[in-house]
Amino acid sequence: MRLAVLFGLLVGVGLLTGCTGVVKTPAERSNTYAQVLDMDTRQLVDDWDMVWLADRQYRLTRWHTR
């Protein structure tokens, strides 16, 4: 009986805490997401130019470079 109560308590505590870890605080996690979003939006311009072939090729080599 004690084992069942202890197990239930452990599961309850695990469910109450959720996925919040001790590694990052919510503020640090939000900062990480903001940095990733900023980097992705900066790279979006290069991806868009590559899709439309708007970027000029370098002329220093005879090989196709991006």
Protein backbone atom coordinates (compact mmCIF):
# COMPACT_ATOMS: atom_id res chain seq x y z
CA MET A 1 0.00 0.00 0.00
CA ARG A 2 2.82 2.38 0.84
CA LEU A 3 4.47 1.62 -2.47
CA ALA A 4 1.28 2.44 -4.38
CA VAL A 5 0.85 5.74 -2.52
CA LEU A 6 4.49 6.66 -3.07
CA PHE A 7 4.24 5.79 -6.75
CA GLY A 8 1.03 7.82 -7.09
CA LEU A 9 2.65 10.78 -5.36
CA LEU A 10 5.67 10.55 -7.64
CA VAL A 11 3.48 10.43 -10.75
CA GLY A 12 1.40 13.35 -9.46
CA VAL A 13 4.47 15.49 -8.86
CA GLY A 14 5.77 14.57 -12.30
CA LEU A 15 2.51 15.62 -13.93
CA LEU A 16 2.31 18.88 -12.00
CA THR A 17 5.78 20.02 -12.98
CA GLY A 18 5.24 19.23 -16.66
CA CYS A 19 8.08 19.69 -19.08
CA THR A 20 9.77 22.53 -17.25
CA GLY A 21 13.29 21.47 -16.62
CA VAL A 22 15.92 22.77 -14.29
CA VAL A 23 18.22 23.47 -17.21
CA LYS A 24 16.53 26.62 -18.56
CA THR A 25 14.18 29.09 -17.01
CA PRO A 26 11.14 30.24 -18.99
CA ALA A 27 12.86 33.57 -19.67
CA GLU A 28 15.95 31.81 -21.05
CA ARG A 29 13.78 29.55 -23.19
CA SER A 30 11.90 32.57 -24.55
CA ASN A 31 15.21 34.27 -25.32
CA THR A 32 16.41 31.17 -27.19
CA TYR A 33 13.22 31.08 -29.27
CA ALA A 34 13.61 34.79 -30.07
CA GLN A 35 17.20 34.26 -31.22
CA VAL A 36 16.22 31.33 -33.44
CA LEU A 37 13.36 33.33 -34.95
CA ASP A 38 15.68 36.27 -35.61
CA MET A 39 18.25 34.05 -37.34
CA ASP A 40 15.58 32.33 -39.43
CA THR A 41 14.13 35.61 -40.63
CA ARG A 42 17.59 36.84 -41.60
CA GLN A 43 18.24 33.70 -43.61
CA LEU A 44 14.83 33.93 -45.27
CA VAL A 45 16.06 36.76 -47.51
CA ASP A 46 18.90 34.60 -48.83
CA ASP A 47 16.55 31.68 -49.40
CA TRP A 48 14.08 33.89 -51.25
CA ASP A 49 16.85 35.24 -53.50
CA MET A 50 18.04 31.72 -54.23
CA VAL A 51 14.52 30.59 -55.21
CA TRP A 52 14.08 33.49 -57.62
CA LEU A 53 17.73 33.31 -58.76
CA ALA A 54 18.06 36.98 -57.87
CA ASP A 55 21.55 36.72 -56.43
CA ARG A 56 24.36 37.23 -58.90
CA GLN A 57 26.89 34.48 -59.33
CA TYR A 58 30.51 35.09 -58.53
CA ARG A 59 32.70 35.37 -61.58
CA LEU A 60 35.99 34.43 -59.97
CA THR A 61 35.57 30.72 -60.63
CA ARG A 62 34.34 28.68 -63.54
CA TRP A 63 32.46 26.34 -61.20
CA HIS A 64 28.87 26.92 -60.20
CA THR A 65 28.84 28.44 -56.73
CA ARG A 66 26.09 29.83 -54.65
